[in-house]
């Protein structure tokens, strides 16, 4: 463009988009054009447009040119306004997507924080949170502690990979017994817990027996166990009105200790009077 010079007549500047120019090598031509344009009246220019233009709506000098210029300016303005709001819309959508993704990541992080990675059961943190809430509701509640018998020996004999598979299998069995009233948790290495709400002591005992039988029924080989397959010991504690302190936790833990001392592969129900009930005895 540095080889050209713009014609000075402002009438030849069309909407700041089209300009009249001439080659700088011929300054005499530029002077002639500029001098000649100064001598041409607007009426003559309109006449030239009418003679040469096929469509007068594209004319620049005739009487409709002002209206056309206004329409063009309006069209450009509305196009700019449209692009502006489209940009704002895109920014808004991106912001909403970013907020949604952030919330999703937060929710996932919260879920992972209360989920056991191996078994996908709720973990000890989730158990503590749930148990603290449930025991204050003054409703009947049962707590069952489930411990896999001789699990260290199983790991030593079969390897930790097989131990993980066994824990996953046991977790899958416990999931069968979960419901609106019952939740299962992994609270330690080979330790699980179940919280059963709004239940009777008989229902708690029956649940413990069913779990004990279901795990034994899978006949997962355990060469170093006296039973020859994986079994569990279960301690059960029950309260008809919740528990403000940790007595239910302590009682379930004591019941589990008794079940293990009695030979494992059984449940033991803690009762205030010191009575016990074994709903599932060793198979051999």
C-alpha atoms as a PDB file:
ATOM      1  CA  UNK A   1       0.000   0.000   0.000  1.00  0.00           C
ATOM      2  CA  UNK A   2       2.957   2.381   0.380  1.00  0.00           C
ATOM      3  CA  UNK A   3       3.044   2.595  -3.435  1.00  0.00           C
ATOM      4  CA  UNK A   4      -0.302   4.335  -3.515  1.00  0.00           C
ATOM      5  CA  UNK A   5      -1.701   7.649  -2.366  1.00  0.00           C
ATOM      6  CA  UNK A   6      -5.289   8.195  -1.285  1.00  0.00           C
ATOM      7  CA  UNK A   7      -7.409  10.623  -3.249  1.00  0.00           C
ATOM      8  CA  UNK A   8      -8.088  13.576  -0.984  1.00  0.00           C
ATOM      9  CA  UNK A   9     -11.763  14.067  -1.820  1.00  0.00           C
ATOM     10  CA  UNK A  10     -13.700  12.865   1.280  1.00  0.00           C
ATOM     11  CA  UNK A  11     -16.663  12.016  -0.918  1.00  0.00           C
ATOM     12  CA  UNK A  12     -14.751   9.030  -2.197  1.00  0.00           C
ATOM     13  CA  UNK A  13     -14.362   7.557   1.263  1.00  0.00           C
ATOM     14  CA  UNK A  14     -17.217   5.086   1.484  1.00  0.00           C
ATOM     15  CA  UNK A  15     -18.138   4.103   5.081  1.00  0.00           C
ATOM     16  CA  UNK A  16     -14.461   3.912   6.014  1.00  0.00           C
ATOM     17  CA  UNK A  17     -14.226   0.662   4.069  1.00  0.00           C
ATOM     18  CA  UNK A  18     -13.571   1.706   0.439  1.00  0.00           C
ATOM     19  CA  UNK A  19     -11.051   4.364  -0.575  1.00  0.00           C
ATOM     20  CA  UNK A  20     -10.039   5.918  -3.909  1.00  0.00           C
ATOM     21  CA  UNK A  21      -6.271   5.671  -4.507  1.00  0.00           C
ATOM     22  CA  UNK A  22      -3.728   6.271  -7.293  1.00  0.00           C
ATOM     23  CA  UNK A  23      -0.162   5.193  -7.937  1.00  0.00           C
ATOM     24  CA  UNK A  24       2.421   7.487  -6.335  1.00  0.00           C
ATOM     25  CA  UNK A  25       4.586   7.224  -9.437  1.00  0.00           C
ATOM     26  CA  UNK A  26       2.167   9.517 -11.221  1.00  0.00           C
ATOM     27  CA  UNK A  27       1.641  12.522  -8.935  1.00  0.00           C
ATOM     28  CA  UNK A  28       0.410  14.545 -11.916  1.00  0.00           C
ATOM     29  CA  UNK A  29      -2.494  12.103 -12.292  1.00  0.00           C
ATOM     30  CA  UNK A  30      -3.316  12.416  -8.600  1.00  0.00           C
ATOM     31  CA  UNK A  31      -3.344  16.214  -8.933  1.00  0.00           C
ATOM     32  CA  UNK A  32      -5.554  16.060 -12.016  1.00  0.00           C
ATOM     33  CA  UNK A  33      -8.012  13.732 -10.238  1.00  0.00           C
ATOM     34  CA  UNK A  34      -8.152  15.915  -7.155  1.00  0.00           C
ATOM     35  CA  UNK A  35      -8.545  19.105  -9.188  1.00  0.00           C
ATOM     36  CA  UNK A  36     -11.171  17.503 -11.370  1.00  0.00           C
ATOM     37  CA  UNK A  37     -13.200  16.178  -8.449  1.00  0.00           C
ATOM     38  CA  UNK A  38     -13.323  19.638  -6.930  1.00  0.00           C
ATOM     39  CA  UNK A  39     -15.068  20.880 -10.066  1.00  0.00           C
ATOM     40  CA  UNK A  40     -17.726  18.104 -10.083  1.00  0.00           C
ATOM     41  CA  UNK A  41     -20.887  18.987  -8.190  1.00  0.00           C
ATOM     42  CA  UNK A  42     -22.895  16.556  -6.104  1.00  0.00           C
ATOM     43  CA  UNK A  43     -25.684  16.671  -8.661  1.00  0.00           C
ATOM     44  CA  UNK A  44     -23.264  15.602 -11.377  1.00  0.00           C
ATOM     45  CA  UNK A  45     -22.023  12.751  -9.233  1.00  0.00           C
ATOM     46  CA  UNK A  46     -25.612  11.588  -8.639  1.00  0.00           C
ATOM     47  CA  UNK A  47     -26.241  11.712 -12.375  1.00  0.00           C
ATOM     48  CA  UNK A  48     -23.139   9.614 -13.012  1.00  0.00           C
ATOM     49  CA  UNK A  49     -24.345   7.048 -10.462  1.00  0.00           C
ATOM     50  CA  UNK A  50     -27.757   6.837 -12.104  1.00  0.00           C
ATOM     51  CA  UNK A  51     -26.167   6.284 -15.511  1.00  0.00           C
ATOM     52  CA  UNK A  52     -23.671   3.661 -14.408  1.00  0.00           C
ATOM     53  CA  UNK A  53     -25.177   1.799 -11.476  1.00  0.00           C
ATOM     54  CA  UNK A  54     -27.532  -1.091 -12.143  1.00  0.00           C
ATOM     55  CA  UNK A  55     -29.078  -0.828  -8.655  1.00  0.00           C
ATOM     56  CA  UNK A  56     -29.425   2.635  -7.211  1.00  0.00           C
ATOM     57  CA  UNK A  57     -29.705   1.248  -3.680  1.00  0.00           C
ATOM     58  CA  UNK A  58     -25.927   0.821  -3.839  1.00  0.00           C
ATOM     59  CA  UNK A  59     -25.380   4.478  -4.801  1.00  0.00           C
ATOM     60  CA  UNK A  60     -23.407   6.814  -2.552  1.00  0.00           C
ATOM     61  CA  UNK A  61     -24.361  10.326  -3.641  1.00  0.00           C
ATOM     62  CA  UNK A  62     -28.051  10.183  -4.537  1.00  0.00           C
ATOM     63  CA  UNK A  63     -30.741  11.369  -2.144  1.00  0.00           C
ATOM     64  CA  UNK A  64     -31.309   7.908  -0.636  1.00  0.00           C
ATOM     65  CA  UNK A  65     -27.668   7.598   0.399  1.00  0.00           C
ATOM     66  CA  UNK A  66     -28.200   9.082   3.873  1.00  0.00           C
ATOM     67  CA  UNK A  67     -30.871   6.497   4.645  1.00  0.00           C
ATOM     68  CA  UNK A  68     -28.629   3.765   3.300  1.00  0.00           C
ATOM     69  CA  UNK A  69     -25.733   4.983   5.420  1.00  0.00           C
ATOM     70  CA  UNK A  70     -27.916   4.992   8.524  1.00  0.00           C
ATOM     71  CA  UNK A  71     -29.144   1.484   7.811  1.00  0.00           C
ATOM     72  CA  UNK A  72     -25.591   0.317   7.294  1.00  0.00           C
ATOM     73  CA  UNK A  73     -24.482   1.921  10.567  1.00  0.00           C
ATOM     74  CA  UNK A  74     -27.455   0.324  12.331  1.00  0.00           C
ATOM     75  CA  UNK A  75     -26.632  -3.050  10.810  1.00  0.00           C
ATOM     76  CA  UNK A  76     -23.018  -2.766  11.951  1.00  0.00           C
ATOM     77  CA  UNK A  77     -24.129  -1.685  15.419  1.00  0.00           C
ATOM     78  CA  UNK A  78     -26.554  -4.561  15.810  1.00  0.00           C
ATOM     79  CA  UNK A  79     -23.940  -6.994  14.508  1.00  0.00           C
ATOM     80  CA  UNK A  80     -21.512  -5.630  17.112  1.00  0.00           C
ATOM     81  CA  UNK A  81     -24.181  -5.862  19.794  1.00  0.00           C
ATOM     82  CA  UNK A  82     -24.985  -9.443  18.774  1.00  0.00           C
ATOM     83  CA  UNK A  83     -21.328 -10.443  18.865  1.00  0.00           C
ATOM     84  CA  UNK A  84     -20.942  -8.772  22.262  1.00  0.00           C
ATOM     85  CA  UNK A  85     -23.873 -10.640  23.802  1.00  0.00           C
ATOM     86  CA  UNK A  86     -22.773 -13.859  22.137  1.00  0.00           C
ATOM     87  CA  UNK A  87     -19.368 -13.419  23.758  1.00  0.00           C
ATOM     88  CA  UNK A  88     -21.014 -12.687  27.114  1.00  0.00           C
ATOM     89  CA  UNK A  89     -23.200 -15.775  26.690  1.00  0.00           C
ATOM     90  CA  UNK A  90     -20.163 -17.939  25.933  1.00  0.00           C
ATOM     91  CA  UNK A  91     -18.339 -16.516  28.950  1.00  0.00           C
ATOM     92  CA  UNK A  92     -21.405 -17.180  31.119  1.00  0.00           C
ATOM     93  CA  UNK A  93     -21.715 -20.760  29.861  1.00  0.00           C
ATOM     94  CA  UNK A  94     -18.023 -21.360  30.477  1.00  0.00           C
ATOM     95  CA  UNK A  95     -18.362 -19.947  34.001  1.00  0.00           C
ATOM     96  CA  UNK A  96     -21.336 -22.215  34.699  1.00  0.00           C
ATOM     97  CA  UNK A  97     -19.434 -25.219  33.337  1.00  0.00           C
ATOM     98  CA  UNK A  98     -16.411 -24.340  35.473  1.00  0.00           C
ATOM     99  CA  UNK A  99     -18.608 -24.038  38.596  1.00  0.00           C
ATOM    100  CA  UNK A 100     -20.306 -27.364  37.777  1.00  0.00           C
ATOM    101  CA  UNK A 101     -16.972 -29.138  37.225  1.00  0.00           C
ATOM    102  CA  UNK A 102     -15.570 -27.671  40.432  1.00  0.00           C
ATOM    103  CA  UNK A 103     -18.639 -28.863  42.333  1.00  0.00           C
ATOM    104  CA  UNK A 104     -18.303 -32.297  40.741  1.00  0.00           C
ATOM    105  CA  UNK A 105     -14.672 -32.523  41.818  1.00  0.00           C
ATOM    106  CA  UNK A 106     -15.584 -31.398  45.324  1.00  0.00           C
ATOM    107  CA  UNK A 107     -18.381 -33.970  45.531  1.00  0.00           C
ATOM    108  CA  UNK A 108     -16.075 -36.703  44.251  1.00  0.00           C
ATOM    109  CA  UNK A 109     -13.397 -35.696  46.749  1.00  0.00           C
ATOM    110  CA  UNK A 110     -15.979 -35.799  49.551  1.00  0.00           C
ATOM    111  CA  UNK A 111     -17.169 -39.248  48.429  1.00  0.00           C
ATOM    112  CA  UNK A 112     -13.613 -40.576  48.190  1.00  0.00           C
ATOM    113  CA  UNK A 113     -12.880 -39.210  51.666  1.00  0.00           C
ATOM    114  CA  UNK A 114     -15.576 -41.479  53.163  1.00  0.00           C
ATOM    115  CA  UNK A 115     -15.156 -44.511  50.854  1.00  0.00           C
ATOM    116  CA  UNK A 116     -12.830 -47.461  51.277  1.00  0.00           C
ATOM    117  CA  UNK A 117     -10.795 -47.768  48.093  1.00  0.00           C
ATOM    118  CA  UNK A 118     -10.486 -51.562  48.109  1.00  0.00           C
ATOM    119  CA  UNK A 119     -14.037 -52.668  48.922  1.00  0.00           C
ATOM    120  CA  UNK A 120     -15.925 -49.486  47.901  1.00  0.00           C
ATOM    121  CA  UNK A 121     -17.780 -49.670  51.210  1.00  0.00           C
ATOM    122  CA  UNK A 122     -18.053 -46.567  53.387  1.00  0.00           C
ATOM    123  CA  UNK A 123     -14.910 -46.285  55.531  1.00  0.00           C
ATOM    124  CA  UNK A 124     -14.191 -45.697  59.225  1.00  0.00           C
ATOM    125  CA  UNK A 125     -14.764 -41.951  58.898  1.00  0.00           C
ATOM    126  CA  UNK A 126     -18.196 -42.513  57.363  1.00  0.00           C
ATOM    127  CA  UNK A 127     -18.987 -45.065  60.074  1.00  0.00           C
ATOM    128  CA  UNK A 128     -18.080 -42.628  62.846  1.00  0.00           C
ATOM    129  CA  UNK A 129     -20.199 -39.888  61.294  1.00  0.00           C
ATOM    130  CA  UNK A 130     -23.214 -42.158  60.817  1.00  0.00           C
ATOM    131  CA  UNK A 131     -22.927 -43.831  64.195  1.00  0.00           C
ATOM    132  CA  UNK A 132     -22.675 -40.514  66.022  1.00  0.00           C
ATOM    133  CA  UNK A 133     -25.844 -39.301  64.316  1.00  0.00           C
ATOM    134  CA  UNK A 134     -27.864 -42.491  64.715  1.00  0.00           C
ATOM    135  CA  UNK A 135     -27.143 -43.128  68.369  1.00  0.00           C
ATOM    136  CA  UNK A 136     -28.649 -39.752  69.303  1.00  0.00           C
ATOM    137  CA  UNK A 137     -31.999 -40.337  67.623  1.00  0.00           C
ATOM    138  CA  UNK A 138     -33.417 -42.233  70.622  1.00  0.00           C
ATOM    139  CA  UNK A 139     -34.594 -45.041  68.329  1.00  0.00           C
ATOM    140  CA  UNK A 140     -33.735 -48.718  68.577  1.00  0.00           C
ATOM    141  CA  UNK A 141     -30.339 -49.370  67.035  1.00  0.00           C
ATOM    142  CA  UNK A 142     -28.026 -52.363  66.681  1.00  0.00           C
ATOM    143  CA  UNK A 143     -24.294 -52.402  66.038  1.00  0.00           C
ATOM    144  CA  UNK A 144     -22.573 -55.449  64.575  1.00  0.00           C
ATOM    145  CA  UNK A 145     -18.793 -55.829  64.446  1.00  0.00           C
ATOM    146  CA  UNK A 146     -17.578 -58.404  61.892  1.00  0.00           C
ATOM    147  CA  UNK A 147     -14.011 -59.719  62.021  1.00  0.00           C
ATOM    148  CA  UNK A 148     -12.496 -62.174  59.508  1.00  0.00           C
ATOM    149  CA  UNK A 149     -11.116 -65.162  61.400  1.00  0.00           C
ATOM    150  CA  UNK A 150      -7.361 -65.917  61.198  1.00  0.00           C
ATOM    151  CA  UNK A 151      -6.930 -63.344  58.440  1.00  0.00           C
ATOM    152  CA  UNK A 152      -3.255 -62.661  59.144  1.00  0.00           C
ATOM    153  CA  UNK A 153      -2.538 -66.349  58.651  1.00  0.00           C
ATOM    154  CA  UNK A 154      -4.552 -66.239  55.410  1.00  0.00           C
ATOM    155  CA  UNK A 155      -2.449 -63.321  54.135  1.00  0.00           C
ATOM    156  CA  UNK A 156       0.808 -64.990  55.168  1.00  0.00           C
ATOM    157  CA  UNK A 157      -0.139 -68.214  53.419  1.00  0.00           C
ATOM    158  CA  UNK A 158      -1.814 -66.855  50.273  1.00  0.00           C
ATOM    159  CA  UNK A 159      -0.276 -63.411  49.837  1.00  0.00           C
ATOM    160  CA  UNK A 160      -1.796 -59.974  50.189  1.00  0.00           C
ATOM    161  CA  UNK A 161      -3.247 -59.977  46.687  1.00  0.00           C
ATOM    162  CA  UNK A 162      -5.419 -62.978  47.534  1.00  0.00           C
ATOM    163  CA  UNK A 163      -6.172 -61.337  50.873  1.00  0.00           C
ATOM    164  CA  UNK A 164      -7.512 -58.289  49.054  1.00  0.00           C
ATOM    165  CA  UNK A 165      -9.666 -60.503  46.851  1.00  0.00           C
ATOM    166  CA  UNK A 166     -11.101 -62.216  49.931  1.00  0.00           C
ATOM    167  CA  UNK A 167     -11.926 -58.859  51.548  1.00  0.00           C
ATOM    168  CA  UNK A 168     -13.665 -57.697  48.372  1.00  0.00           C
ATOM    169  CA  UNK A 169     -15.712 -60.903  48.340  1.00  0.00           C
ATOM    170  CA  UNK A 170     -16.727 -60.458  51.967  1.00  0.00           C
ATOM    171  CA  UNK A 171     -17.640 -56.825  51.281  1.00  0.00           C
ATOM    172  CA  UNK A 172     -19.827 -57.958  48.367  1.00  0.00           C
ATOM    173  CA  UNK A 173     -21.611 -60.382  50.678  1.00  0.00           C
ATOM    174  CA  UNK A 174     -22.206 -57.630  53.254  1.00  0.00           C
ATOM    175  CA  UNK A 175     -23.637 -55.396  50.528  1.00  0.00           C
ATOM    176  CA  UNK A 176     -26.403 -57.964  50.016  1.00  0.00           C
ATOM    177  CA  UNK A 177     -27.666 -57.204  53.504  1.00  0.00           C
ATOM    178  CA  UNK A 178     -27.664 -53.425  53.197  1.00  0.00           C
ATOM    179  CA  UNK A 179     -30.973 -51.610  52.990  1.00  0.00           C
ATOM    180  CA  UNK A 180     -32.646 -48.352  53.953  1.00  0.00           C
ATOM    181  CA  UNK A 181     -32.257 -49.350  57.602  1.00  0.00           C
ATOM    182  CA  UNK A 182     -28.898 -51.131  57.404  1.00  0.00           C
ATOM    183  CA  UNK A 183     -25.495 -49.845  56.315  1.00  0.00           C
ATOM    184  CA  UNK A 184     -22.201 -51.747  56.091  1.00  0.00           C
ATOM    185  CA  UNK A 185     -18.721 -50.249  56.583  1.00  0.00           C
ATOM    186  CA  UNK A 186     -15.091 -51.320  56.434  1.00  0.00           C
ATOM    187  CA  UNK A 187     -13.575 -49.928  59.624  1.00  0.00           C
ATOM    188  CA  UNK A 188     -10.170 -51.620  59.603  1.00  0.00           C
ATOM    189  CA  UNK A 189      -7.984 -54.158  57.821  1.00  0.00           C
ATOM    190  CA  UNK A 190     -10.240 -57.221  58.150  1.00  0.00           C
ATOM    191  CA  UNK A 191     -12.858 -55.521  60.320  1.00  0.00           C
ATOM    192  CA  UNK A 192     -16.313 -54.498  59.185  1.00  0.00           C
ATOM    193  CA  UNK A 193     -19.309 -52.969  60.916  1.00  0.00           C
ATOM    194  CA  UNK A 194     -23.031 -52.786  60.275  1.00  0.00           C
ATOM    195  CA  UNK A 195     -25.462 -50.272  61.754  1.00  0.00           C
ATOM    196  CA  UNK A 196     -29.074 -51.473  61.834  1.00  0.00           C
ATOM    197  CA  UNK A 197     -31.703 -48.853  62.683  1.00  0.00           C
ATOM    198  CA  UNK A 198     -35.211 -49.216  64.129  1.00  0.00           C
ATOM    199  CA  UNK A 199     -34.848 -52.919  64.824  1.00  0.00           C
ATOM    200  CA  UNK A 200     -35.472 -55.452  67.550  1.00  0.00           C
ATOM    201  CA  UNK A 201     -32.745 -57.478  69.210  1.00  0.00           C
ATOM    202  CA  UNK A 202     -34.087 -60.550  67.426  1.00  0.00           C
ATOM    203  CA  UNK A 203     -33.646 -58.861  64.066  1.00  0.00           C
ATOM    204  CA  UNK A 204     -30.070 -57.962  64.979  1.00  0.00           C
ATOM    205  CA  UNK A 205     -29.343 -61.558  66.000  1.00  0.00           C
ATOM    206  CA  UNK A 206     -30.917 -62.881  62.804  1.00  0.00           C
ATOM    207  CA  UNK A 207     -28.852 -60.485  60.678  1.00  0.00           C
ATOM    208  CA  UNK A 208     -25.633 -61.632  62.371  1.00  0.00           C
ATOM    209  CA  UNK A 209     -26.516 -65.283  61.823  1.00  0.00           C
ATOM    210  CA  UNK A 210     -27.353 -64.731  58.149  1.00  0.00           C
ATOM    211  CA  UNK A 211     -24.061 -62.927  57.524  1.00  0.00           C
ATOM    212  CA  UNK A 212     -22.058 -65.596  59.324  1.00  0.00           C
ATOM    213  CA  UNK A 213     -23.749 -68.370  57.335  1.00  0.00           C
ATOM    214  CA  UNK A 214     -23.466 -66.530  54.001  1.00  0.00           C
ATOM    215  CA  UNK A 215     -19.695 -66.032  54.338  1.00  0.00           C
ATOM    216  CA  UNK A 216     -19.133 -69.603  55.473  1.00  0.00           C
ATOM    217  CA  UNK A 217     -21.337 -70.806  52.613  1.00  0.00           C
ATOM    218  CA  UNK A 218     -18.997 -69.268  50.033  1.00  0.00           C
ATOM    219  CA  UNK A 219     -16.377 -71.865  51.096  1.00  0.00           C
ATOM    220  CA  UNK A 220     -13.414 -69.622  50.333  1.00  0.00           C
ATOM    221  CA  UNK A 221     -10.455 -71.920  50.937  1.00  0.00           C
ATOM    222  CA  UNK A 222      -8.427 -71.074  54.052  1.00  0.00           C
ATOM    223  CA  UNK A 223      -5.790 -73.785  54.500  1.00  0.00           C
ATOM    224  CA  UNK A 224      -4.509 -72.433  57.833  1.00  0.00           C
ATOM    225  CA  UNK A 225      -7.958 -72.157  59.448  1.00  0.00           C
ATOM    226  CA  UNK A 226      -9.325 -75.008  61.589  1.00  0.00           C
ATOM    227  CA  UNK A 227     -12.503 -74.783  59.503  1.00  0.00           C
ATOM    228  CA  UNK A 228     -10.709 -75.065  56.155  1.00  0.00           C
ATOM    229  CA  UNK A 229     -12.417 -71.999  54.719  1.00  0.00           C
ATOM    230  CA  UNK A 230     -12.875 -68.339  55.549  1.00  0.00           C
ATOM    231  CA  UNK A 231     -15.237 -67.610  58.440  1.00  0.00           C
ATOM    232  CA  UNK A 232     -16.107 -64.550  60.503  1.00  0.00           C
ATOM    233  CA  UNK A 233     -16.799 -63.743  64.130  1.00  0.00           C
ATOM    234  CA  UNK A 234     -19.559 -61.227  64.889  1.00  0.00           C
ATOM    235  CA  UNK A 235     -20.248 -59.214  68.016  1.00  0.00           C
ATOM    236  CA  UNK A 236     -23.742 -57.713  68.360  1.00  0.00           C
ATOM    237  CA  UNK A 237     -24.955 -54.959  70.670  1.00  0.00           C
ATOM    238  CA  UNK A 238     -28.464 -53.497  70.749  1.00  0.00           C
ATOM    239  CA  UNK A 239     -30.212 -50.576  72.405  1.00  0.00           C
ATOM    240  CA  UNK A 240     -33.891 -49.710  72.335  1.00  0.00           C
ATOM    241  CA  UNK A 241     -33.331 -45.962  72.746  1.00  0.00           C
ATOM    242  CA  UNK A 242     -30.026 -45.062  71.136  1.00  0.00           C
ATOM    243  CA  UNK A 243     -26.975 -44.254  73.215  1.00  0.00           C
ATOM    244  CA  UNK A 244     -25.589 -40.830  74.041  1.00  0.00           C
ATOM    245  CA  UNK A 245     -22.245 -42.259  75.039  1.00  0.00           C
ATOM    246  CA  UNK A 246     -20.113 -45.023  73.504  1.00  0.00           C
ATOM    247  CA  UNK A 247     -21.666 -47.905  75.436  1.00  0.00           C
ATOM    248  CA  UNK A 248     -23.114 -49.527  72.309  1.00  0.00           C
ATOM    249  CA  UNK A 249     -19.690 -49.416  70.663  1.00  0.00           C
ATOM    250  CA  UNK A 250     -18.031 -50.852  73.769  1.00  0.00           C
ATOM    251  CA  UNK A 251     -20.642 -53.604  74.114  1.00  0.00           C
ATOM    252  CA  UNK A 252     -20.337 -54.673  70.456  1.00  0.00           C
ATOM    253  CA  UNK A 253     -16.562 -54.761  70.819  1.00  0.00           C
ATOM    254  CA  UNK A 254     -16.836 -56.907  73.951  1.00  0.00           C
ATOM    255  CA  UNK A 255     -19.283 -59.252  72.214  1.00  0.00           C
ATOM    256  CA  UNK A 256     -16.860 -59.678  69.301  1.00  0.00           C
ATOM    257  CA  UNK A 257     -14.047 -60.484  71.737  1.00  0.00           C
ATOM    258  CA  UNK A 258     -16.195 -63.167  73.366  1.00  0.00           C
ATOM    259  CA  UNK A 259     -17.179 -64.667  69.979  1.00  0.00           C
ATOM    260  CA  UNK A 260     -13.511 -65.005  69.031  1.00  0.00           C
ATOM    261  CA  UNK A 261     -12.586 -66.535  72.396  1.00  0.00           C
ATOM    262  CA  UNK A 262     -15.392 -69.069  72.069  1.00  0.00           C
ATOM    263  CA  UNK A 263     -13.774 -70.491  68.937  1.00  0.00           C
ATOM    264  CA  UNK A 264     -14.701 -67.992  66.162  1.00  0.00           C
ATOM    265  CA  UNK A 265     -17.098 -68.663  63.289  1.00  0.00           C
ATOM    266  CA  UNK A 266     -20.061 -67.534  65.413  1.00  0.00           C
ATOM    267  CA  UNK A 267     -21.958 -64.515  66.699  1.00  0.00           C
ATOM    268  CA  UNK A 268     -22.245 -63.343  70.271  1.00  0.00           C
ATOM    269  CA  UNK A 269     -24.954 -60.941  71.417  1.00  0.00           C
ATOM    270  CA  UNK A 270     -24.168 -58.646  74.313  1.00  0.00           C
ATOM    271  CA  UNK A 271     -26.994 -58.415  76.839  1.00  0.00           C
ATOM    272  CA  UNK A 272     -27.178 -56.312  79.950  1.00  0.00           C
ATOM    273  CA  UNK A 273     -27.841 -59.363  82.134  1.00  0.00           C
ATOM    274  CA  UNK A 274     -24.709 -61.065  80.828  1.00  0.00           C
ATOM    275  CA  UNK A 275     -26.699 -63.669  78.905  1.00  0.00           C
ATOM    276  CA  UNK A 276     -25.443 -64.755  75.522  1.00  0.00           C
ATOM    277  CA  UNK A 277     -26.886 -66.302  72.459  1.00  0.00           C
ATOM    278  CA  UNK A 278     -24.920 -68.048  69.733  1.00  0.00           C
ATOM    279  CA  UNK A 279     -27.063 -68.010  66.616  1.00  0.00           C
ATOM    280  CA  UNK A 280     -24.403 -69.647  64.484  1.00  0.00           C
ATOM    281  CA  UNK A 281     -22.149 -72.358  65.859  1.00  0.00           C
ATOM    282  CA  UNK A 282     -19.045 -73.839  64.219  1.00  0.00           C
ATOM    283  CA  UNK A 283     -19.801 -76.304  61.438  1.00  0.00           C
ATOM    284  CA  UNK A 284     -17.155 -78.722  62.687  1.00  0.00           C
END
